Amino acid sequence: MRGIRVVAVAVVCGLLGGVSAGCGTDETIYGEAEARTELERLTGLLRDVPDLPEGFSDRPRGGWTSPFRPADRACARVLDTAGSGRPARPSSVRAAVTYHGDALGELAGIGLTTYAGSAAERRFAVLASELGRCRTVAGSEGARDTSLTGSPLELGEIGDAVAAKRLRGRLDGYPYEMHLVFVRAGQTLISLVHAGMTGLDAGRTARLARSFAGRVRGDGRSLNTLVP
């Protein structure tokens, strides 16, 4: 695919100006070469996706960022994680893109983050808890006429574990809906934001989540398999 622009971030000590021998955690040690290989793998999983729901462009753009800053800290953290920012921990590698749909303002932001050892399971548990506490999303000071109310979003079984929420209300005074989904597939955490200014189809959200969970699990590799 020509012209693809993938926002991808690899966080390892060497890449941040630390020691080049590698990053140590309580579970594994890996260096720049392994992290770059994993980054290439994740980036490849975001390319040439043949089973996107109808209406989505197959030309991904840069990773998704939240159009506002929530006042609630739990909501802010889950939106930051779903966005295209730098991973919070030095034991992770991340790539992210955004696909645009054909409904008004529709987009799907996809992020893939691989964690070392069992960190993905722990990270998912934290995010699921914070997502559960994110009930009303109001914009912080300066985000006028922005308020979204959370409600359950049932998507069925996806990957090893899934947590999802529907957020519906107004963004800068305009009708807005957002489906926020986290899926764990092995050591990879998948974040999905399906958003738009008209009613969103939960079935399309589920198909997006299953598509990328299937790609991650079908690839069958993880960062730790690259460690001697």
Protein backbone atom coordinates (compact mmCIF):
# COMPACT_ATOMS: atom_id res chain seq x y z
CA MET A 1 0.00 0.00 0.00
CA ARG A 2 1.53 3.29 -1.08
CA GLY A 3 1.48 6.43 0.97
CA ILE A 4 0.76 4.68 4.24
CA ARG A 5 1.56 6.76 7.28
CA VAL A 6 1.79 4.74 10.47
CA VAL A 7 2.40 6.40 13.82
CA ALA A 8 4.62 3.90 15.61
CA VAL A 9 6.55 4.26 18.84
CA ALA A 10 9.12 1.88 20.29
CA VAL A 11 10.15 2.58 23.86
CA VAL A 12 13.43 0.99 24.87
CA CYS A 13 16.30 2.40 26.90
CA GLY A 14 18.61 2.75 23.93
CA LEU A 15 16.05 4.62 21.84
CA LEU A 16 15.55 7.12 24.66
CA GLY A 17 19.22 7.78 25.13
CA GLY A 18 19.83 5.25 27.90
CA VAL A 19 22.14 2.28 27.91
CA SER A 20 22.22 0.44 24.61
CA ALA A 21 22.57 -3.01 26.16
CA GLY A 22 18.83 -3.29 26.67
CA CYS A 23 16.05 -2.60 29.15
CA GLY A 24 15.60 -4.69 32.25
CA THR A 25 12.25 -5.57 33.79
CA ASP A 26 11.35 -8.11 36.42
CA GLU A 27 10.34 -10.52 33.66
CA THR A 28 12.57 -10.13 30.63
CA ILE A 29 15.36 -8.17 29.02
CA TYR A 30 15.34 -7.05 25.42
CA GLY A 31 17.32 -4.59 23.37
CA GLU A 32 16.85 -2.23 20.47
CA ALA A 33 17.06 -4.90 17.76
CA GLU A 34 14.26 -6.98 19.31
CA ALA A 35 12.10 -3.92 19.90
CA ARG A 36 12.54 -2.75 16.32
CA THR A 37 11.65 -6.22 15.04
CA GLU A 38 8.50 -6.16 17.15
CA LEU A 39 7.67 -2.67 15.89
CA GLU A 40 7.93 -3.92 12.31
CA ARG A 41 5.61 -6.81 13.16
CA LEU A 42 2.95 -4.55 14.67
CA THR A 43 3.20 -2.09 11.80
CA GLY A 44 2.75 -4.96 9.35
CA LEU A 45 -0.43 -6.09 11.12
CA LEU A 46 -1.92 -2.64 10.51
CA ARG A 47 -1.22 -2.73 6.77
CA ASP A 48 -3.34 -4.20 3.99
CA VAL A 49 -6.29 -5.25 6.16
CA PRO A 50 -8.65 -7.11 3.79
CA ASP A 51 -11.63 -7.52 6.12
CA LEU A 52 -12.42 -3.97 7.23
CA PRO A 53 -16.18 -3.33 7.49
CA GLU A 54 -17.74 -1.89 4.36
CA GLY A 55 -17.29 1.85 4.03
CA PHE A 56 -13.91 2.11 5.74
CA SER A 57 -11.00 3.38 3.67
CA ASP A 58 -8.14 0.92 3.29
CA ARG A 59 -5.65 3.82 3.43
CA PRO A 60 -4.82 4.33 7.12
CA ARG A 61 -3.70 7.68 8.47
CA GLY A 62 -1.84 8.69 11.60
CA GLY A 63 -2.87 7.37 15.00
CA TRP A 64 -6.01 8.68 16.70
CA THR A 65 -5.90 11.39 19.34
CA SER A 66 -8.80 12.46 21.55
CA PRO A 67 -10.58 15.63 20.32
CA PHE A 68 -10.88 16.85 23.92
CA ARG A 69 -9.34 16.40 27.36
CA PRO A 70 -11.71 14.80 29.90
CA ALA A 71 -11.90 16.35 33.34
CA ASP A 72 -12.22 12.91 34.96
CA ARG A 73 -8.82 11.30 35.50
CA ALA A 74 -9.92 7.72 34.81
CA CYS A 75 -11.55 8.80 31.53
CA ALA A 76 -8.47 10.79 30.61
CA ARG A 77 -6.20 7.78 31.19
CA VAL A 78 -8.23 5.38 29.06
CA LEU A 79 -8.47 7.92 26.23
CA ASP A 80 -4.74 8.57 26.45
CA THR A 81 -4.08 4.83 26.23
CA ALA A 82 -6.40 4.50 23.25
CA GLY A 83 -4.67 7.42 21.56
CA SER A 84 -1.47 7.39 19.56
CA GLY A 85 0.81 8.64 22.31
CA ARG A 86 3.95 7.05 23.66
CA PRO A 87 3.50 3.89 25.75
CA ALA A 88 3.66 4.55 29.47
CA ARG A 89 6.20 1.81 30.22
CA PRO A 90 9.68 1.06 28.88
CA SER A 91 8.73 -2.61 28.46
CA SER A 92 6.31 -2.03 25.58
CA VAL A 93 6.28 -1.42 21.83
CA ARG A 94 3.37 0.32 20.09
CA ALA A 95 2.03 1.11 16.60
CA ALA A 96 -1.20 2.98 15.78
CA VAL A 97 -3.27 4.09 12.78
CA THR A 98 -6.67 5.59 12.00
CA TYR A 99 -9.13 4.35 9.36
CA HIS A 100 -11.88 6.69 8.14
CA GLY A 101 -15.42 5.47 7.51
CA ASP A 102 -18.14 6.75 5.21
CA ALA A 103 -20.57 7.96 7.89
CA LEU A 104 -20.45 11.58 9.09
CA GLY A 105 -17.22 12.03 11.03
CA GLU A 106 -16.74 8.27 11.33
CA LEU A 107 -13.31 6.92 12.16
CA ALA A 108 -11.68 3.93 13.79
CA GLY A 109 -8.44 4.43 15.70
CA ILE A 110 -6.49 1.20 16.19
CA GLY A 111 -3.51 0.78 18.49
CA LEU A 112 -1.40 -2.35 19.03
CA THR A 113 0.90 -2.47 22.05
CA THR A 114 3.03 -5.47 22.97
CA TYR A 115 4.13 -5.83 26.59
CA ALA A 116 6.86 -7.99 28.07
CA GLY A 117 5.97 -11.07 30.06
CA SER A 118 2.60 -10.95 31.80
CA ALA A 119 2.47 -7.14 31.80
CA ALA A 120 -0.27 -7.11 29.14
CA GLU A 121 -2.62 -9.03 31.43
CA ARG A 122 -1.98 -6.64 34.31
CA ARG A 123 -2.31 -3.59 32.10
CA PHE A 124 -5.61 -4.83 30.70
CA ALA A 125 -6.97 -5.33 34.22
CA VAL A 126 -6.10 -1.73 35.13
CA LEU A 127 -7.67 -0.35 31.95
CA ALA A 128 -10.84 -2.42 32.38
CA SER A 129 -11.20 -1.05 35.91
CA GLU A 130 -10.66 2.54 34.80
CA LEU A 131 -13.06 2.11 31.90
CA GLY A 132 -15.68 0.89 34.36
CA ARG A 133 -15.20 4.04 36.45
CA CYS A 134 -15.51 6.31 33.41
CA ARG A 135 -19.27 6.96 33.59
CA THR A 136 -19.61 10.58 32.47
CA VAL A 137 -17.05 12.22 30.22
CA ALA A 138 -17.06 15.99 30.50
CA GLY A 139 -14.52 18.20 28.81
CA SER A 140 -11.99 19.98 30.98
CA GLU A 141 -11.88 23.77 31.18
CA GLY A 142 -11.98 25.21 27.67
CA ALA A 143 -13.91 22.24 26.16
CA ARG A 144 -17.34 23.87 26.08
CA ASP A 145 -20.55 21.96 25.36
CA THR A 146 -18.76 18.62 25.59
CA SER A 147 -20.32 15.86 27.68
CA LEU A 148 -20.67 12.14 26.99
CA THR A 149 -22.53 9.58 29.08
CA GLY A 150 -21.24 6.02 29.34
CA SER A 151 -23.32 2.87 28.92
CA PRO A 152 -22.52 -0.86 28.46
CA LEU A 153 -21.38 -2.07 25.05
CA GLU A 154 -21.71 -5.82 24.59
CA LEU A 155 -19.48 -7.19 21.84
CA GLY A 156 -19.26 -10.86 22.79
CA GLU A 157 -16.04 -12.79 23.30
CA ILE A 158 -13.02 -11.30 21.53
CA GLY A 159 -9.41 -12.34 22.04
CA ASP A 160 -8.42 -13.44 25.53
CA ALA A 161 -10.36 -10.65 27.24
CA VAL A 162 -12.38 -7.61 26.19
CA ALA A 163 -13.64 -4.46 27.90
CA ALA A 164 -15.89 -2.00 26.06
CA LYS A 165 -18.05 1.07 26.67
CA ARG A 166 -20.38 3.27 24.64
CA LEU A 167 -20.02 7.03 25.19
CA ARG A 168 -22.81 9.17 23.77
CA GLY A 169 -23.58 12.87 24.04
CA ARG A 170 -22.22 16.07 22.56
CA LEU A 171 -18.81 17.21 21.38
CA ASP A 172 -18.54 21.00 21.13
CA GLY A 173 -22.34 21.05 21.00
CA TYR A 174 -22.67 18.51 18.17
CA PRO A 175 -24.09 14.98 18.56
CA TYR A 176 -21.24 12.54 19.06
CA GLU A 177 -20.79 8.87 19.89
CA MET A 178 -17.70 6.89 20.75
CA HIS A 179 -17.16 3.16 21.26
CA LEU A 180 -14.07 2.55 23.37
CA VAL A 181 -12.72 -1.01 23.33
CA PHE A 182 -9.69 -2.78 24.80
CA VAL A 183 -8.84 -6.35 23.81
CA ARG A 184 -6.01 -8.51 25.11
CA ALA A 185 -4.63 -11.06 22.68
CA GLY A 186 -1.69 -12.82 24.30
CA GLN A 187 0.95 -10.21 25.12
CA THR A 188 -0.59 -7.61 22.80
CA LEU A 189 -3.14 -5.05 23.93
CA ILE A 190 -5.48 -3.81 21.19
CA SER A 191 -7.16 -0.44 21.65
CA LEU A 192 -10.06 0.57 19.43
CA VAL A 193 -11.92 3.86 19.23
CA HIS A 194 -14.89 3.84 16.85
CA ALA A 195 -16.38 7.34 16.76
CA GLY A 196 -18.68 9.50 14.70
CA MET A 197 -21.34 12.21 14.70
CA THR A 198 -24.22 9.91 13.85
CA GLY A 199 -25.44 6.67 15.41
CA LEU A 200 -22.71 4.06 15.35
CA ASP A 201 -23.30 0.40 14.57
CA ALA A 202 -22.00 -1.78 17.39
CA GLY A 203 -21.74 -4.62 14.88
CA ARG A 204 -19.13 -2.66 12.93
CA THR A 205 -17.23 -2.03 16.14
CA ALA A 206 -17.26 -5.75 16.95
CA ARG A 207 -16.09 -6.65 13.43
CA LEU A 208 -13.19 -4.20 13.71
CA ALA A 209 -12.15 -5.59 17.09
CA ARG A 210 -12.38 -9.21 15.92
CA SER A 211 -10.49 -8.45 12.74
CA PHE A 212 -7.44 -7.09 14.53
CA ALA A 213 -7.61 -9.62 17.35
CA GLY A 214 -7.57 -12.34 14.70
CA ARG A 215 -4.60 -10.77 12.94
CA VAL A 216 -2.64 -10.52 16.20
CA ARG A 217 -3.41 -14.08 17.29
CA GLY A 218 -2.94 -15.49 13.79
CA ASP A 219 0.53 -14.00 13.60
CA GLY A 220 1.46 -16.16 16.56
CA ARG A 221 4.54 -14.27 17.71
CA SER A 222 5.34 -12.04 20.65
CA LEU A 223 8.16 -9.87 21.86
CA ASN A 224 9.41 -12.51 24.26
CA THR A 225 9.85 -15.07 21.49
CA LEU A 226 12.50 -12.73 20.08
CA VAL A 227 14.58 -12.84 23.25
CA PRO A 228 17.42 -15.41 23.20
